[in-house]
């Protein structure tokens, strides 16, 4: 199977660079986008296997981007990534097919481990879909 291609979307350029570099060391191809509109363009052009999407972004929120992603591709795995995890943020997103909801940084979570596990699950599902 080809490398897993991940579209990583975050308005924080430093975080985008750090997380993108880390994910790249896991043997994946990483496509970066700094806002929702760029993410939608890259989704169409690059055809990623999974999207990791920041929840809070200026101009176009992660939820707004997710709604547009679902118009383009109803099945692509999407991970919602946020610095402000709370129940209110999560409400409604699960109905839009979120694969996982992961806090960016927290003493209570291992964001890197959670991301790696979710990407592994997405890769397995993609492999199964390829065999059908």
N, C-alpha and C. Protein backbone atom coordinates (compact mmCIF):
# COMPACT_ATOMS: atom_id res chain seq x y z
N UNK A 1 0.84 -1.19 0.00
CA UNK A 1 0.00 0.00 0.00
C UNK A 1 0.88 1.25 0.00
N UNK A 2 0.43 2.27 -0.69
CA UNK A 2 1.16 3.53 -0.76
C UNK A 2 1.16 4.20 0.62
N UNK A 3 2.02 5.19 0.75
CA UNK A 3 2.07 5.96 2.00
C UNK A 3 0.71 6.58 2.29
N UNK A 4 0.36 6.63 3.56
CA UNK A 4 -0.84 7.32 3.99
C UNK A 4 -0.61 8.82 3.78
N UNK A 5 -1.56 9.48 3.13
CA UNK A 5 -1.45 10.92 2.90
C UNK A 5 -2.39 11.64 3.86
N UNK A 6 -1.82 12.56 4.65
CA UNK A 6 -2.56 13.28 5.67
C UNK A 6 -2.62 14.76 5.34
N UNK A 7 -3.82 15.31 5.38
CA UNK A 7 -3.98 16.76 5.25
C UNK A 7 -4.10 17.32 6.67
N UNK A 8 -3.14 18.14 7.06
CA UNK A 8 -3.10 18.74 8.39
C UNK A 8 -3.46 20.21 8.27
N UNK A 9 -4.51 20.63 9.00
CA UNK A 9 -5.03 21.99 8.88
C UNK A 9 -4.99 22.68 10.24
N UNK A 10 -4.25 23.79 10.33
CA UNK A 10 -4.17 24.56 11.57
C UNK A 10 -3.69 25.96 11.24
N UNK A 11 -4.27 26.96 11.89
CA UNK A 11 -3.86 28.35 11.65
C UNK A 11 -2.60 28.72 12.42
N UNK A 12 -2.18 27.91 13.38
CA UNK A 12 -0.96 28.16 14.14
C UNK A 12 0.22 27.57 13.37
N UNK A 13 0.99 28.45 12.72
CA UNK A 13 2.06 28.00 11.83
C UNK A 13 3.13 27.19 12.56
N UNK A 14 3.48 27.59 13.79
CA UNK A 14 4.48 26.84 14.54
C UNK A 14 3.99 25.44 14.86
N UNK A 15 2.76 25.34 15.32
CA UNK A 15 2.18 24.05 15.65
C UNK A 15 2.03 23.19 14.39
N UNK A 16 1.63 23.81 13.30
CA UNK A 16 1.49 23.11 12.02
C UNK A 16 2.82 22.48 11.61
N UNK A 17 3.88 23.26 11.77
CA UNK A 17 5.22 22.78 11.42
C UNK A 17 5.66 21.63 12.32
N UNK A 18 5.47 21.78 13.63
CA UNK A 18 5.90 20.76 14.59
C UNK A 18 5.11 19.46 14.39
N UNK A 19 3.79 19.58 14.35
CA UNK A 19 2.95 18.38 14.20
C UNK A 19 3.16 17.75 12.83
N UNK A 20 3.25 18.58 11.80
CA UNK A 20 3.49 18.06 10.45
C UNK A 20 4.80 17.29 10.37
N UNK A 21 5.84 17.83 10.98
CA UNK A 21 7.15 17.15 11.00
C UNK A 21 7.06 15.82 11.74
N UNK A 22 6.37 15.83 12.89
CA UNK A 22 6.24 14.61 13.70
C UNK A 22 5.48 13.53 12.92
N UNK A 23 4.37 13.91 12.33
CA UNK A 23 3.56 12.94 11.57
C UNK A 23 4.36 12.41 10.39
N UNK A 24 5.16 13.26 9.79
CA UNK A 24 6.01 12.84 8.67
C UNK A 24 7.01 11.77 9.07
N UNK A 25 7.47 11.79 10.33
CA UNK A 25 8.43 10.77 10.77
C UNK A 25 7.77 9.40 10.94
N UNK A 26 6.43 9.36 10.89
CA UNK A 26 5.71 8.08 11.03
C UNK A 26 5.52 7.39 9.68
N UNK A 27 6.20 7.91 8.65
CA UNK A 27 6.11 7.28 7.34
C UNK A 27 4.90 7.71 6.54
N UNK A 28 4.39 8.89 6.83
CA UNK A 28 3.24 9.40 6.09
C UNK A 28 3.65 10.59 5.24
N UNK A 29 2.87 10.85 4.22
CA UNK A 29 3.04 12.06 3.43
C UNK A 29 2.13 13.11 4.06
N UNK A 30 2.65 14.29 4.33
CA UNK A 30 1.88 15.32 5.02
C UNK A 30 1.68 16.51 4.08
N UNK A 31 0.43 16.92 3.94
CA UNK A 31 0.06 18.11 3.19
C UNK A 31 -0.44 19.12 4.21
N UNK A 32 0.08 20.35 4.17
CA UNK A 32 -0.26 21.36 5.16
C UNK A 32 -1.20 22.42 4.58
N UNK A 33 -2.11 22.89 5.42
CA UNK A 33 -2.99 24.01 5.06
C UNK A 33 -3.14 24.90 6.28
N UNK A 34 -3.09 26.22 6.08
CA UNK A 34 -3.13 27.17 7.19
C UNK A 34 -4.52 27.75 7.45
N UNK A 35 -5.49 27.40 6.62
CA UNK A 35 -6.85 27.88 6.85
C UNK A 35 -7.84 26.97 6.13
N UNK A 36 -9.11 27.21 6.37
CA UNK A 36 -10.15 26.36 5.82
C UNK A 36 -10.22 26.35 4.31
N UNK A 37 -10.12 27.52 3.69
CA UNK A 37 -10.20 27.58 2.23
C UNK A 37 -9.05 26.84 1.57
N UNK A 38 -7.85 27.02 2.12
CA UNK A 38 -6.69 26.30 1.59
C UNK A 38 -6.88 24.80 1.79
N UNK A 39 -7.44 24.41 2.92
CA UNK A 39 -7.68 22.99 3.19
C UNK A 39 -8.63 22.39 2.16
N UNK A 40 -9.69 23.10 1.83
CA UNK A 40 -10.65 22.58 0.85
C UNK A 40 -10.03 22.46 -0.53
N UNK A 41 -9.20 23.44 -0.90
CA UNK A 41 -8.49 23.36 -2.19
C UNK A 41 -7.56 22.16 -2.21
N UNK A 42 -6.80 21.97 -1.13
CA UNK A 42 -5.85 20.86 -1.08
C UNK A 42 -6.55 19.51 -0.98
N UNK A 43 -7.72 19.49 -0.36
CA UNK A 43 -8.49 18.25 -0.31
C UNK A 43 -8.83 17.80 -1.73
N UNK A 44 -9.24 18.72 -2.57
CA UNK A 44 -9.60 18.40 -3.96
C UNK A 44 -8.37 18.05 -4.80
N UNK A 45 -7.28 18.79 -4.61
CA UNK A 45 -6.08 18.59 -5.43
C UNK A 45 -5.24 17.40 -5.00
N UNK A 46 -5.05 17.25 -3.70
CA UNK A 46 -4.11 16.26 -3.17
C UNK A 46 -4.74 14.90 -2.87
N UNK A 47 -6.06 14.86 -2.71
CA UNK A 47 -6.78 13.62 -2.40
C UNK A 47 -6.15 12.88 -1.20
N UNK A 48 -6.14 13.53 -0.01
CA UNK A 48 -5.55 12.87 1.16
C UNK A 48 -6.41 11.69 1.62
N UNK A 49 -5.80 10.82 2.42
CA UNK A 49 -6.50 9.66 2.98
C UNK A 49 -7.19 10.01 4.30
N UNK A 50 -6.68 11.02 4.99
CA UNK A 50 -7.22 11.41 6.28
C UNK A 50 -6.99 12.91 6.46
N UNK A 51 -7.88 13.57 7.20
CA UNK A 51 -7.75 15.00 7.48
C UNK A 51 -7.65 15.18 8.99
N UNK A 52 -6.66 15.95 9.42
CA UNK A 52 -6.55 16.36 10.83
C UNK A 52 -6.82 17.85 10.83
N UNK A 53 -7.90 18.22 11.50
CA UNK A 53 -8.47 19.55 11.35
C UNK A 53 -8.57 20.28 12.69
N UNK A 54 -8.01 21.48 12.74
CA UNK A 54 -8.12 22.31 13.94
C UNK A 54 -9.56 22.77 14.11
N UNK A 55 -10.03 22.75 15.33
CA UNK A 55 -11.41 23.15 15.63
C UNK A 55 -11.60 24.67 15.54
N UNK A 56 -10.67 25.42 16.13
CA UNK A 56 -10.81 26.88 16.19
C UNK A 56 -9.83 27.56 15.24
N UNK A 57 -10.39 28.14 14.19
CA UNK A 57 -9.59 28.90 13.24
C UNK A 57 -10.34 30.17 12.88
N UNK A 58 -9.62 31.26 12.58
CA UNK A 58 -10.30 32.49 12.18
C UNK A 58 -10.90 32.32 10.78
N UNK A 59 -11.84 33.14 10.45
CA UNK A 59 -12.52 33.19 9.15
C UNK A 59 -13.41 31.99 8.90
N UNK A 60 -12.89 30.78 9.03
CA UNK A 60 -13.68 29.58 8.76
C UNK A 60 -13.33 28.56 9.84
N UNK A 61 -14.27 28.28 10.72
CA UNK A 61 -14.01 27.35 11.83
C UNK A 61 -13.82 25.93 11.32
N UNK A 62 -13.28 25.09 12.17
CA UNK A 62 -13.11 23.68 11.83
C UNK A 62 -14.43 23.02 11.50
N UNK A 63 -15.49 23.38 12.21
CA UNK A 63 -16.81 22.80 11.94
C UNK A 63 -17.30 23.23 10.56
N UNK A 64 -17.11 24.50 10.20
CA UNK A 64 -17.50 24.97 8.87
C UNK A 64 -16.71 24.24 7.79
N UNK A 65 -15.42 24.04 8.03
CA UNK A 65 -14.59 23.30 7.07
C UNK A 65 -15.07 21.85 6.97
N UNK A 66 -15.37 21.26 8.11
CA UNK A 66 -15.86 19.88 8.12
C UNK A 66 -17.14 19.74 7.30
N UNK A 67 -18.06 20.69 7.44
CA UNK A 67 -19.31 20.65 6.66
C UNK A 67 -19.01 20.66 5.16
N UNK A 68 -18.04 21.47 4.76
CA UNK A 68 -17.66 21.54 3.34
C UNK A 68 -16.95 20.26 2.90
N UNK A 69 -16.10 19.72 3.78
CA UNK A 69 -15.42 18.45 3.47
C UNK A 69 -16.46 17.37 3.20
N UNK A 70 -17.51 17.32 4.01
CA UNK A 70 -18.53 16.29 3.85
C UNK A 70 -19.32 16.44 2.55
N UNK A 71 -19.37 17.65 2.00
CA UNK A 71 -20.00 17.85 0.69
C UNK A 71 -19.12 17.28 -0.42
N UNK A 72 -17.81 17.31 -0.20
CA UNK A 72 -16.85 16.83 -1.18
C UNK A 72 -16.63 15.32 -1.05
N UNK A 73 -16.49 14.87 0.19
CA UNK A 73 -16.18 13.46 0.47
C UNK A 73 -16.85 13.05 1.78
N UNK A 74 -17.86 12.24 1.70
CA UNK A 74 -18.62 11.84 2.90
C UNK A 74 -17.88 10.83 3.76
N UNK A 75 -16.89 10.13 3.18
CA UNK A 75 -16.26 9.02 3.90
C UNK A 75 -14.85 9.29 4.42
N UNK A 76 -14.20 10.33 3.97
CA UNK A 76 -12.81 10.55 4.39
C UNK A 76 -12.73 10.68 5.92
N UNK A 77 -11.81 9.95 6.55
CA UNK A 77 -11.66 10.06 8.01
C UNK A 77 -11.18 11.46 8.39
N UNK A 78 -11.85 12.05 9.38
CA UNK A 78 -11.48 13.38 9.87
C UNK A 78 -11.26 13.31 11.37
N UNK A 79 -10.12 13.84 11.79
CA UNK A 79 -9.80 13.96 13.21
C UNK A 79 -9.90 15.44 13.56
N UNK A 80 -10.68 15.75 14.57
CA UNK A 80 -10.80 17.14 15.03
C UNK A 80 -9.79 17.33 16.14
N UNK A 81 -8.97 18.35 16.00
CA UNK A 81 -7.86 18.62 16.89
C UNK A 81 -8.11 19.98 17.53
N UNK A 82 -8.06 20.10 18.85
CA UNK A 82 -8.35 21.39 19.46
C UNK A 82 -7.51 21.65 20.70
N UNK A 83 -7.26 22.92 20.94
CA UNK A 83 -6.56 23.34 22.16
C UNK A 83 -7.56 23.57 23.29
N UNK A 84 -8.85 23.58 22.96
CA UNK A 84 -9.89 23.88 23.95
C UNK A 84 -10.96 22.79 23.95
N UNK A 85 -10.62 21.58 24.41
CA UNK A 85 -11.62 20.52 24.40
C UNK A 85 -12.68 20.73 25.47
N UNK A 86 -13.92 20.67 25.07
CA UNK A 86 -15.01 20.71 26.03
C UNK A 86 -16.23 20.06 25.38
N UNK A 87 -17.19 19.72 26.19
CA UNK A 87 -18.37 19.01 25.70
C UNK A 87 -19.12 19.83 24.66
N UNK A 88 -19.21 21.13 24.87
CA UNK A 88 -19.93 21.98 23.92
C UNK A 88 -19.27 21.95 22.54
N UNK A 89 -17.95 21.93 22.50
CA UNK A 89 -17.24 21.88 21.23
C UNK A 89 -17.52 20.59 20.48
N UNK A 90 -17.60 19.51 21.22
CA UNK A 90 -17.76 18.19 20.62
C UNK A 90 -19.19 17.97 20.10
N UNK A 91 -20.17 18.57 20.78
CA UNK A 91 -21.57 18.37 20.41
C UNK A 91 -21.80 18.70 18.94
N UNK A 92 -22.43 17.80 18.24
CA UNK A 92 -22.77 18.02 16.84
C UNK A 92 -21.72 17.53 15.86
N UNK A 93 -20.44 17.57 16.25
CA UNK A 93 -19.41 17.14 15.31
C UNK A 93 -19.44 15.64 15.09
N UNK A 94 -19.86 14.88 16.10
CA UNK A 94 -19.89 13.42 15.93
C UNK A 94 -20.91 13.01 14.87
N UNK A 95 -21.93 13.84 14.65
CA UNK A 95 -22.93 13.55 13.62
C UNK A 95 -22.38 13.78 12.22
N UNK A 96 -21.24 14.46 12.14
CA UNK A 96 -20.63 14.75 10.85
C UNK A 96 -19.49 13.78 10.53
N UNK A 97 -19.42 12.70 11.26
CA UNK A 97 -18.45 11.67 10.93
C UNK A 97 -17.04 11.94 11.39
N UNK A 98 -16.87 12.45 12.59
CA UNK A 98 -15.54 12.64 13.14
C UNK A 98 -14.99 11.29 13.58
N UNK A 99 -13.79 10.95 13.13
CA UNK A 99 -13.15 9.71 13.52
C UNK A 99 -12.69 9.78 14.98
N UNK A 100 -12.16 10.94 15.36
CA UNK A 100 -11.70 11.14 16.74
C UNK A 100 -11.65 12.63 17.03
N UNK A 101 -11.69 12.93 18.30
CA UNK A 101 -11.62 14.30 18.78
C UNK A 101 -10.48 14.33 19.79
N UNK A 102 -9.39 15.01 19.44
CA UNK A 102 -8.16 14.93 20.24
C UNK A 102 -7.72 16.31 20.74
N UNK A 103 -7.51 16.43 22.06
CA UNK A 103 -6.95 17.69 22.58
C UNK A 103 -5.51 17.85 22.09
N UNK A 104 -5.14 19.06 21.69
CA UNK A 104 -3.77 19.30 21.20
C UNK A 104 -2.74 19.07 22.30
N UNK A 105 -2.88 19.81 23.35
CA UNK A 105 -1.90 19.74 24.44
C UNK A 105 -2.63 19.70 25.76
N UNK A 106 -2.33 18.71 26.55
CA UNK A 106 -2.96 18.60 27.85
C UNK A 106 -2.14 17.67 28.73
N UNK A 107 -2.08 17.98 30.00
CA UNK A 107 -1.37 17.09 30.92
C UNK A 107 -2.14 15.77 31.06
N UNK A 108 -3.40 15.77 30.65
CA UNK A 108 -4.23 14.57 30.79
C UNK A 108 -4.28 13.72 29.53
N UNK A 109 -3.67 14.17 28.48
CA UNK A 109 -3.76 13.39 27.24
C UNK A 109 -2.40 13.27 26.56
N UNK A 110 -2.28 12.26 25.76
CA UNK A 110 -1.11 12.05 24.93
C UNK A 110 -1.55 12.27 23.49
N UNK A 111 -1.52 13.53 23.06
CA UNK A 111 -2.02 13.88 21.73
C UNK A 111 -1.26 13.12 20.64
N UNK A 112 0.05 12.98 20.79
CA UNK A 112 0.84 12.28 19.80
C UNK A 112 0.43 10.81 19.72
N UNK A 113 0.31 10.16 20.87
CA UNK A 113 -0.11 8.76 20.89
C UNK A 113 -1.51 8.57 20.33
N UNK A 114 -2.40 9.48 20.69
CA UNK A 114 -3.78 9.40 20.20
C UNK A 114 -3.83 9.59 18.69
N UNK A 115 -3.08 10.56 18.18
CA UNK A 115 -3.04 10.79 16.73
C UNK A 115 -2.50 9.57 16.00
N UNK A 116 -1.42 9.02 16.52
CA UNK A 116 -0.81 7.86 15.88
C UNK A 116 -1.78 6.68 15.85
N UNK A 117 -2.50 6.46 16.95
CA UNK A 117 -3.47 5.37 17.01
C UNK A 117 -4.61 5.58 16.03
N UNK A 118 -5.12 6.79 15.95
CA UNK A 118 -6.23 7.10 15.05
C UNK A 118 -5.78 6.97 13.59
N UNK A 119 -4.59 7.44 13.28
CA UNK A 119 -4.09 7.31 11.91
C UNK A 119 -3.89 5.85 11.54
N UNK A 120 -3.44 5.04 12.50
CA UNK A 120 -3.29 3.61 12.26
C UNK A 120 -4.63 2.96 11.97
N UNK A 121 -5.65 3.33 12.73
CA UNK A 121 -6.99 2.79 12.52
C UNK A 121 -7.52 3.21 11.15
N UNK A 122 -7.27 4.47 10.77
CA UNK A 122 -7.73 4.95 9.46
C UNK A 122 -7.02 4.20 8.34
N UNK A 123 -5.72 3.97 8.51
CA UNK A 123 -4.96 3.24 7.49
C UNK A 123 -5.49 1.81 7.33
N UNK A 124 -5.80 1.16 8.45
CA UNK A 124 -6.36 -0.20 8.38
C UNK A 124 -7.70 -0.20 7.65
N UNK A 125 -8.53 0.78 7.94
CA UNK A 125 -9.84 0.86 7.29
C UNK A 125 -9.67 1.12 5.79
N UNK A 126 -8.74 1.98 5.42
CA UNK A 126 -8.49 2.26 4.02
C UNK A 126 -8.01 1.01 3.29
N UNK A 127 -7.16 0.23 3.96
CA UNK A 127 -6.65 -1.01 3.40
C UNK A 127 -7.79 -1.99 3.16
N UNK A 128 -8.70 -2.10 4.14
CA UNK A 128 -9.87 -2.97 3.99
C UNK A 128 -10.73 -2.53 2.83
N UNK A 129 -10.94 -1.21 2.70
CA UNK A 129 -11.74 -0.67 1.62
C UNK A 129 -11.11 -0.94 0.26
N UNK A 130 -9.76 -0.91 0.21
CA UNK A 130 -9.04 -1.21 -1.04
C UNK A 130 -9.24 -2.66 -1.47
N UNK A 131 -9.40 -3.55 -0.51
CA UNK A 131 -9.54 -4.97 -0.81
C UNK A 131 -10.94 -5.32 -1.29
N UNK A 132 -11.89 -4.44 -1.08
CA UNK A 132 -13.28 -4.71 -1.49
C UNK A 132 -13.47 -4.52 -2.97
